[in-house]
Protein backbone atom coordinates (compact mmCIF):
# COMPACT_ATOMS: atom_id res chain seq x y z
CA UNK A 1 0.00 0.00 0.00
CA UNK A 2 1.39 3.40 -0.98
CA UNK A 3 0.00 6.83 -0.15
CA UNK A 4 1.15 10.24 -1.40
CA UNK A 5 0.60 13.21 0.95
CA UNK A 6 1.79 16.78 1.34
CA UNK A 7 1.12 19.92 3.34
CA UNK A 8 0.97 22.22 0.32
CA UNK A 9 -2.21 23.74 -1.08
CA UNK A 10 -2.21 22.84 -4.80
CA UNK A 11 -3.78 24.74 -7.61
CA UNK A 12 -7.15 23.18 -8.20
CA UNK A 13 -7.59 24.16 -11.83
CA UNK A 14 -7.66 20.50 -12.85
CA UNK A 15 -10.87 20.05 -10.89
CA UNK A 16 -9.40 17.44 -8.57
CA UNK A 17 -10.31 17.91 -4.94
CA UNK A 18 -7.59 16.43 -2.70
CA UNK A 19 -8.48 14.79 0.58
CA UNK A 20 -7.55 16.78 3.67
CA UNK A 21 -6.39 15.26 6.92
CA UNK A 22 -8.19 17.54 9.40
CA UNK A 23 -7.59 15.72 12.69
CA UNK A 24 -5.53 12.94 14.19
CA UNK A 25 -4.77 11.21 17.48
CA UNK A 26 -2.75 8.27 18.71
CA UNK A 27 -1.84 6.10 21.68
CA UNK A 28 1.52 4.43 21.12
CA UNK A 29 4.43 2.94 23.08
CA UNK A 30 6.01 5.82 24.99
CA UNK A 31 3.57 8.27 23.42
CA UNK A 32 0.03 8.69 24.79
CA UNK A 33 -0.72 11.45 22.27
CA UNK A 34 0.62 13.08 19.10
CA UNK A 35 2.68 15.70 20.98
CA UNK A 36 4.52 12.99 22.90
CA UNK A 37 4.89 10.98 19.69
CA UNK A 38 6.64 13.89 17.99
CA UNK A 39 9.01 14.38 20.94
CA UNK A 40 9.84 10.67 20.81
CA UNK A 41 10.54 10.80 17.07
CA UNK A 42 12.42 14.10 17.13
CA UNK A 43 14.71 12.94 19.93
CA UNK A 44 15.42 9.54 18.40
CA UNK A 45 13.93 7.56 21.29
CA UNK A 46 13.63 3.78 21.24
CA UNK A 47 10.24 3.16 22.89
CA UNK A 48 10.48 -0.64 22.95
CA UNK A 49 11.05 -2.49 26.21
CA UNK A 50 10.55 -5.63 28.25
CA UNK A 51 7.22 -7.42 28.07
CA UNK A 52 5.16 -5.97 30.97
CA UNK A 53 4.07 -8.13 33.88
CA UNK A 54 0.40 -7.34 33.19
CA UNK A 55 0.55 -9.31 29.91
CA UNK A 56 2.05 -12.70 30.73
CA UNK A 57 4.79 -14.26 32.87
CA UNK A 58 7.76 -13.91 30.54
CA UNK A 59 9.85 -16.56 32.29
CA UNK A 60 7.15 -19.16 31.61
CA UNK A 61 7.48 -18.63 27.85
CA UNK A 62 11.02 -17.43 27.20
CA UNK A 63 13.79 -19.62 25.80
CA UNK A 64 16.66 -18.30 23.72
CA UNK A 65 16.52 -21.46 21.60
CA UNK A 66 14.21 -20.69 18.64
CA UNK A 67 13.40 -24.39 18.28
CA UNK A 68 12.15 -24.82 21.86
CA UNK A 69 8.48 -25.92 21.61
CA UNK A 70 5.94 -23.45 22.94
CA UNK A 71 8.57 -20.83 23.70
CA UNK A 72 9.47 -17.35 22.44
CA UNK A 73 13.08 -16.27 21.98
CA UNK A 74 12.46 -12.57 22.61
CA UNK A 75 11.54 -10.74 25.79
CA UNK A 76 10.84 -7.35 24.25
CA UNK A 77 8.41 -5.38 22.13
CA UNK A 78 6.58 -2.07 22.00
CA UNK A 79 4.03 -1.83 24.82
CA UNK A 80 1.73 0.85 26.20
CA UNK A 81 1.04 1.50 29.87
CA UNK A 82 -2.36 0.89 31.51
CA UNK A 83 -3.68 -0.81 28.41
CA UNK A 84 -6.80 -2.05 30.25
CA UNK A 85 -7.85 1.37 31.63
CA UNK A 86 -11.23 2.53 30.30
CA UNK A 87 -14.09 4.82 31.36
CA UNK A 88 -17.21 3.05 30.04
CA UNK A 89 -19.63 5.63 31.44
CA UNK A 90 -18.14 8.29 29.16
CA UNK A 91 -19.39 6.31 26.16
CA UNK A 92 -22.66 5.21 27.77
CA UNK A 93 -21.47 1.63 28.21
CA UNK A 94 -22.49 -0.37 31.27
CA UNK A 95 -19.57 -1.61 33.42
CA UNK A 96 -20.70 -5.22 33.01
CA UNK A 97 -20.62 -4.93 29.23
CA UNK A 98 -17.24 -3.17 29.31
CA UNK A 99 -15.64 -6.24 30.89
CA UNK A 100 -16.49 -8.29 27.80
CA UNK A 101 -15.32 -5.64 25.32
CA UNK A 102 -11.91 -6.25 23.74
CA UNK A 103 -9.55 -3.43 24.84
CA UNK A 104 -8.91 -2.86 21.12
CA UNK A 105 -12.51 -1.64 20.81
CA UNK A 106 -12.03 0.58 23.85
CA UNK A 107 -8.88 2.19 22.42
CA UNK A 108 -10.61 2.74 19.07
CA UNK A 109 -13.40 4.67 20.79
CA UNK A 110 -10.99 6.82 22.81
CA UNK A 111 -8.62 7.57 19.93
CA UNK A 112 -11.41 8.33 17.47
CA UNK A 113 -12.98 10.76 19.94
CA UNK A 114 -9.64 12.54 20.41
CA UNK A 115 -9.05 12.73 16.64
CA UNK A 116 -12.44 14.38 16.13
CA UNK A 117 -11.71 16.88 18.89
CA UNK A 118 -8.32 17.57 17.29
CA UNK A 119 -10.20 18.41 14.11
CA UNK A 120 -12.47 20.82 15.96
CA UNK A 121 -15.46 18.56 15.32
CA UNK A 122 -17.81 17.89 18.23
CA UNK A 123 -18.33 14.12 18.09
CA UNK A 124 -22.02 14.40 18.95
CA UNK A 125 -22.53 16.77 16.01
CA UNK A 126 -22.03 13.92 13.50
CA UNK A 127 -25.19 12.00 14.38
CA UNK A 128 -27.13 11.08 11.26
CA UNK A 129 -24.35 12.19 8.89
CA UNK A 130 -22.70 10.19 6.11
CA UNK A 131 -19.53 9.70 8.13
CA UNK A 132 -17.67 6.56 7.15
CA UNK A 133 -15.59 4.44 9.52
CA UNK A 134 -12.71 2.34 8.22
CA UNK A 135 -10.73 0.35 10.80
CA UNK A 136 -7.55 -1.68 10.34
CA UNK A 137 -7.65 -4.58 12.78
CA UNK A 138 -6.24 -8.11 12.58
CA UNK A 139 -5.72 -9.66 16.01
CA UNK A 140 -8.10 -10.97 18.69
CA UNK A 141 -5.90 -11.74 21.69
CA UNK A 142 -8.69 -10.91 24.16
CA UNK A 143 -10.94 -13.54 22.61
CA UNK A 144 -8.11 -16.07 22.70
CA UNK A 145 -7.58 -15.39 26.39
CA UNK A 146 -11.25 -16.05 27.10
CA UNK A 147 -11.23 -19.28 25.12
CA UNK A 148 -8.02 -20.43 26.78
CA UNK A 149 -9.58 -20.10 30.23
CA UNK A 150 -11.81 -23.08 29.42
CA UNK A 151 -14.59 -21.60 31.55
CA UNK A 152 -17.63 -21.41 29.27
CA UNK A 153 -19.58 -19.93 32.16
CA UNK A 154 -17.87 -16.63 31.39
CA UNK A 155 -19.79 -16.37 28.08
CA UNK A 156 -22.40 -13.64 28.42
CA UNK A 157 -24.64 -11.58 26.09
CA UNK A 158 -21.71 -9.26 25.35
CA UNK A 159 -19.05 -11.85 24.52
CA UNK A 160 -19.75 -11.87 20.80
CA UNK A 161 -20.15 -8.15 20.25
CA UNK A 162 -17.17 -7.52 22.49
CA UNK A 163 -14.77 -9.60 20.43
CA UNK A 164 -15.65 -9.36 16.72
CA UNK A 165 -13.83 -7.10 14.27
CA UNK A 166 -17.08 -5.94 12.65
CA UNK A 167 -18.28 -4.54 15.96
CA UNK A 168 -14.87 -2.96 16.66
CA UNK A 169 -15.66 -0.67 13.72
CA UNK A 170 -19.44 -0.73 14.14
CA UNK A 171 -19.43 0.41 17.76
CA UNK A 172 -17.88 3.74 16.69
CA UNK A 173 -20.76 4.39 14.30
CA UNK A 174 -23.30 3.15 16.85
CA UNK A 175 -22.13 5.39 19.68
CA UNK A 176 -21.76 8.47 17.47
CA UNK A 177 -24.87 7.76 15.39
CA UNK A 178 -22.97 7.71 12.10
CA UNK A 179 -24.73 6.49 8.95
CA UNK A 180 -21.89 6.27 6.43
CA UNK A 181 -20.16 3.03 5.40
CA UNK A 182 -18.55 1.04 8.16
CA UNK A 183 -16.29 -1.98 8.10
CA UNK A 184 -13.08 -3.49 9.45
CA UNK A 185 -10.12 -4.05 7.14
CA UNK A 186 -7.73 -6.96 7.59
CA UNK A 187 -4.87 -7.04 5.10
CA UNK A 188 -2.28 -7.82 7.78
CA UNK A 189 0.45 -5.17 8.04
CA UNK A 190 -1.16 -2.87 5.46
CA UNK A 191 -4.63 -2.89 7.08
CA UNK A 192 -4.83 0.72 8.25
CA UNK A 193 -3.32 2.14 5.04
CA UNK A 194 -5.71 0.11 2.91
CA UNK A 195 -8.41 1.61 5.16
CA UNK A 196 -7.07 5.07 4.19
CA UNK A 197 -7.31 4.10 0.52
CA UNK A 198 -10.92 2.92 0.89
CA UNK A 199 -11.83 6.05 2.83
CA UNK A 200 -10.33 8.26 0.12
CA UNK A 201 -12.37 6.54 -2.56
CA UNK A 202 -15.54 6.78 -0.45
CA UNK A 203 -15.02 10.53 -0.05
CA UNK A 204 -14.25 11.05 -3.72
CA UNK A 205 -17.41 9.18 -4.74
CA UNK A 206 -19.51 11.24 -2.34
CA UNK A 207 -20.49 8.10 -0.47
CA UNK A 208 -19.03 9.67 2.70
CA UNK A 209 -18.89 13.34 3.62
CA UNK A 210 -16.44 12.68 6.46
CA UNK A 211 -14.25 9.63 7.03
CA UNK A 212 -12.71 8.30 10.21
CA UNK A 213 -9.79 5.96 9.59
CA UNK A 214 -8.21 4.06 12.48
CA UNK A 215 -5.90 1.16 13.17
CA UNK A 216 -5.40 -0.81 16.36
CA UNK A 217 -3.22 -3.65 17.62
CA UNK A 218 -2.81 -4.88 21.19
CA UNK A 219 -0.49 -7.64 22.43
CA UNK A 220 -2.41 -9.32 25.24
CA UNK A 221 -1.72 -13.05 24.80
CA UNK A 222 1.55 -14.98 24.44
CA UNK A 223 0.44 -17.40 21.71
CA UNK A 224 0.82 -15.01 18.74
CA UNK A 225 4.28 -14.04 19.97
CA UNK A 226 5.22 -17.73 20.11
CA UNK A 227 3.93 -18.19 16.56
CA UNK A 228 5.98 -15.30 15.15
CA UNK A 229 9.05 -16.72 16.87
CA UNK A 230 8.44 -20.07 15.18
CA UNK A 231 8.21 -18.16 11.91
CA UNK A 232 11.59 -16.60 12.83
CA UNK A 233 10.06 -13.20 12.01
CA UNK A 234 11.01 -11.46 15.26
CA UNK A 235 14.26 -9.86 16.32
CA UNK A 236 15.73 -11.57 19.41
CA UNK A 237 16.60 -8.20 20.96
CA UNK A 238 13.12 -6.80 20.26
CA UNK A 239 14.16 -3.88 18.05
CA UNK A 240 13.52 -3.00 14.41
CA UNK A 241 17.01 -2.31 13.04
CA UNK A 242 15.58 -1.18 9.73
CA UNK A 243 18.00 -1.00 6.76
CA UNK A 244 20.94 -1.93 9.02
CA UNK A 245 23.34 -4.83 8.55
CA UNK A 246 22.20 -6.16 11.95
CA UNK A 247 18.56 -6.36 10.86
CA UNK A 248 17.29 -9.72 12.12
CA UNK A 249 13.53 -9.39 12.32
CA UNK A 250 11.01 -7.01 13.78
CA UNK A 251 9.70 -6.07 17.21
CA UNK A 252 5.98 -6.68 17.73
CA UNK A 253 4.28 -3.56 19.02
CA UNK A 254 0.89 -2.21 19.98
CA UNK A 255 -1.06 1.00 19.80
CA UNK A 256 -3.92 2.84 18.17
CA UNK A 257 -4.06 5.74 15.73
CA UNK A 258 -6.85 7.61 13.97
CA UNK A 259 -7.16 10.32 11.33
CA UNK A 260 -10.20 12.31 10.22
CA UNK A 261 -10.54 12.99 6.48
CA UNK A 262 -12.60 15.49 4.48
CA UNK A 263 -12.63 16.68 0.89
CA UNK A 264 -10.42 19.79 0.84
CA UNK A 265 -13.20 22.04 -0.43
CA UNK A 266 -15.48 20.91 2.40
CA UNK A 267 -12.75 21.32 5.02
CA UNK A 268 -12.10 24.89 3.89
CA UNK A 269 -15.81 25.73 3.70
CA UNK A 270 -16.30 24.46 7.25
CA UNK A 271 -13.20 26.23 8.60
CA UNK A 272 -11.51 23.00 9.68
CA UNK A 273 -7.73 22.75 10.12
CA UNK A 274 -5.87 21.25 7.17
CA UNK A 275 -2.94 19.26 8.58
CA UNK A 276 -1.91 17.65 5.30
CA UNK A 277 -3.32 16.66 1.93
CA UNK A 278 -3.82 13.17 0.59
CA UNK A 279 -3.31 13.42 -3.17
CA UNK A 280 -3.58 9.77 -4.15
CA UNK A 281 -3.13 6.16 -3.14
CA UNK A 282 -2.86 2.71 -4.65
CA UNK A 283 -3.24 -0.90 -3.56
CA UNK A 284 -1.98 -4.16 -5.06
CA UNK A 285 -0.81 -7.61 -3.98
CA UNK A 286 2.61 -9.18 -4.37
CA UNK A 287 1.05 -12.09 -6.21
CA UNK A 288 3.34 -15.08 -6.62
CA UNK A 289 6.84 -14.72 -5.19
CA UNK A 290 9.41 -17.09 -3.76
CA UNK A 291 7.25 -17.67 -0.68
CA UNK A 292 3.89 -16.78 0.89
CA UNK A 293 5.45 -14.17 3.20
CA UNK A 294 8.16 -12.98 0.76
CA UNK A 295 7.64 -9.56 -0.89
CA UNK A 296 7.86 -9.01 -4.64
CA UNK A 297 10.05 -6.14 -5.86
CA UNK A 298 8.17 -5.82 -9.16
CA UNK A 299 4.79 -5.54 -7.46
CA UNK A 300 6.12 -2.99 -4.98
CA UNK A 301 7.60 -0.91 -7.78
CA UNK A 302 4.26 -1.05 -9.59
CA UNK A 303 2.16 0.11 -6.63
CA UNK A 304 4.48 3.06 -5.96
CA UNK A 305 4.15 4.14 -9.58
CA UNK A 306 0.37 3.67 -9.42
CA UNK A 307 0.18 5.89 -6.34
CA UNK A 308 2.19 8.61 -8.09
CA UNK A 309 -0.14 8.41 -11.08
CA UNK A 310 -3.18 8.57 -8.80
CA UNK A 311 -1.73 11.71 -7.19
CA UNK A 312 -0.75 13.35 -10.49
CA UNK A 313 2.83 13.50 -9.23
CA UNK A 314 6.18 12.35 -10.56
CA UNK A 315 9.12 10.85 -8.66
CA UNK A 316 10.94 14.21 -8.72
CA UNK A 317 8.14 15.67 -6.55
CA UNK A 318 8.89 13.27 -3.69
CA UNK A 319 11.49 14.24 -1.07
CA UNK A 320 10.78 11.70 1.67
CA UNK A 321 9.24 8.25 1.92
CA UNK A 322 8.00 6.72 5.17
CA UNK A 323 8.81 3.09 4.46
CA UNK A 324 7.27 -0.14 5.67
CA UNK A 325 10.79 -0.94 6.92
CA UNK A 326 10.29 -3.81 9.34
CA UNK A 327 13.95 -4.57 9.82
CA UNK A 328 14.06 -7.96 8.12
CA UNK A 329 17.15 -8.95 6.12
CA UNK A 330 15.00 -9.94 3.12
CA UNK A 331 12.20 -7.36 3.13
CA UNK A 332 14.28 -4.20 3.61
CA UNK A 333 16.44 -4.66 0.47
CA UNK A 334 13.40 -5.47 -1.66
CA UNK A 335 11.58 -2.34 -0.53
CA UNK A 336 14.58 -0.08 -1.13
CA UNK A 337 15.22 -1.59 -4.55
CA UNK A 338 11.60 -0.90 -5.55
CA UNK A 339 11.86 2.71 -4.34
CA UNK A 340 15.20 3.13 -6.08
CA UNK A 341 13.84 1.79 -9.36
CA UNK A 342 10.96 4.28 -9.38
CA UNK A 343 13.09 7.27 -8.36
CA UNK A 344 16.14 6.48 -10.51
CA UNK A 345 16.81 9.52 -12.68
CA UNK A 346 14.62 11.80 -10.56
CA UNK A 347 17.11 11.80 -7.66
CA UNK A 348 20.88 11.45 -7.39
CA UNK A 349 23.60 11.35 -4.72
CA UNK A 350 23.49 15.15 -4.37
CA UNK A 351 19.70 15.22 -4.02
CA UNK A 352 18.80 11.79 -2.63
CA UNK A 353 15.40 10.45 -1.71
CA UNK A 354 15.23 10.35 2.10
CA UNK A 355 13.73 7.17 3.55
CA UNK A 356 12.90 6.33 7.16
CA UNK A 357 10.57 4.18 9.26
CA UNK A 358 8.81 4.81 12.57
CA UNK A 359 9.20 1.11 13.36
CA UNK A 360 12.77 1.80 14.44
CA UNK A 361 11.31 3.90 17.27
CA UNK A 362 8.09 2.19 18.24
CA UNK A 363 8.26 -1.29 16.73
CA UNK A 364 5.84 -2.84 14.23
CA UNK A 365 2.19 -2.18 15.10
CA UNK A 366 1.04 -4.68 12.46
CA UNK A 367 -2.57 -3.70 11.56
CA UNK A 368 -1.99 -0.21 13.01
CA UNK A 369 1.50 0.29 11.55
CA UNK A 370 0.32 2.24 8.52
CA UNK A 371 -1.64 4.89 10.40
CA UNK A 372 1.28 5.31 12.85
CA UNK A 373 3.57 6.02 9.90
CA UNK A 374 1.03 8.37 8.32
CA UNK A 375 0.73 10.39 11.54
CA UNK A 376 4.53 10.56 11.74
CA UNK A 377 4.71 12.12 8.27
CA UNK A 378 1.98 14.66 9.08
CA UNK A 379 3.89 15.66 12.23
CA UNK A 380 7.09 16.00 10.20
CA UNK A 381 5.30 18.29 7.75
CA UNK A 382 3.88 20.38 10.58
CA UNK A 383 7.30 20.79 12.21
CA UNK A 384 9.19 21.05 8.88
CA UNK A 385 11.62 18.47 10.24
CA UNK A 386 12.43 14.90 9.24
CA UNK A 387 13.17 13.03 12.48
CA UNK A 388 16.30 10.86 12.72
CA UNK A 389 16.08 7.22 11.75
CA UNK A 390 17.61 5.25 14.65
CA UNK A 391 19.39 1.87 14.83
CA UNK A 392 21.12 2.56 11.50
CA UNK A 393 24.85 2.15 12.01
CA UNK A 394 26.10 -0.13 9.25
CA UNK A 395 24.13 -0.26 5.96
CA UNK A 396 22.60 -3.58 5.03
CA UNK A 397 25.14 -5.25 2.69
CA UNK A 398 22.33 -6.78 0.61
CA UNK A 399 21.28 -3.30 -0.56
CA UNK A 400 23.17 -1.89 -3.59
CA UNK A 401 23.53 1.53 -1.95
CA UNK A 402 25.85 2.94 -4.61
CA UNK A 403 23.22 2.28 -7.28
CA UNK A 404 20.24 3.76 -5.42
CA UNK A 405 19.47 7.50 -5.10
CA UNK A 406 18.52 6.94 -1.46
CA UNK A 407 19.78 8.22 1.88
CA UNK A 408 18.72 7.21 5.41
CA UNK A 409 18.49 10.38 7.58
CA UNK A 410 20.27 9.64 10.87
CA UNK A 411 20.05 13.18 12.22
């Protein structure tokens, strides 16, 4: 998934109405809001850490041997504090029902509310409007924990609605009285950016007059962490060393982010803040590659070019790319080669394309990773500063750096 954004106000003589990002909010490791997130990024902070005691007993599951059955070889990731805190009365939810609601749903409600307030939109003013809700969500740790208990007596009238992805999105529309399209999006790591793409199209078609796009991922149960260790996808030291020679997997992370979108003409007419403009986007699939989880350089090159075409931009217009950049020895080179192929000729060693990834700071939020990266870029535009990309000391030797017009900004 590729998205092209800017903070410039284009000439609109071509009749195209860009999509404006008018509000945003987040809850991330080491950053309970966007202001804290910017400070973390600007100062090059690594927000990953030890698995908290309120998740699971690490010693019961840890073993440095990747082949040890039922064990995980990492003790770290990106975690938020007080992940179970929630004020149900604020949203008109009974305390008994709140117990059965997946904390992912709770964080979606809180973060969406804050994003609307950031936009200067009173949440209760949207009742009955064509406001669409598009939510990137993939995991269901809370449901797994309930099933693992083996106590079927805990099943209550709220167990189903509290744990399904459709209701994670639907509850936002229900509580705010929204009547636009509403659905969850699960395309794994690209979920929240594909949600942005779908929201953009909904706004452009007039199907939605406002769009709320969110992504969420919480790490509550040990089983998924064990699985990713068996896949050998995770870094043993729990850090995303993106583009570095020491890249050895990613750090699983959690958080929630939300953005509010409007057509630019509507945002201006309503006097809403314009934080950045979404000019275009594109989606494709890798198709067949050397393995189910292996990316395809040709497909990635194609989707970048499609996004540029959608945005009526050329490679020379792009100064910075917020990359997927998980920190895997195979994925990083493929992504950089695709970027280099598209931007070859438009950039050179004196005017390189700058590439970074928020995952180096906060880890990989999986379904919420895209919206976390999008918010990072909007913050960078607001502050006119590209934050330093950390954990980059020795360039990955599998990347042909001398042939690519790319630079990793370390300061």
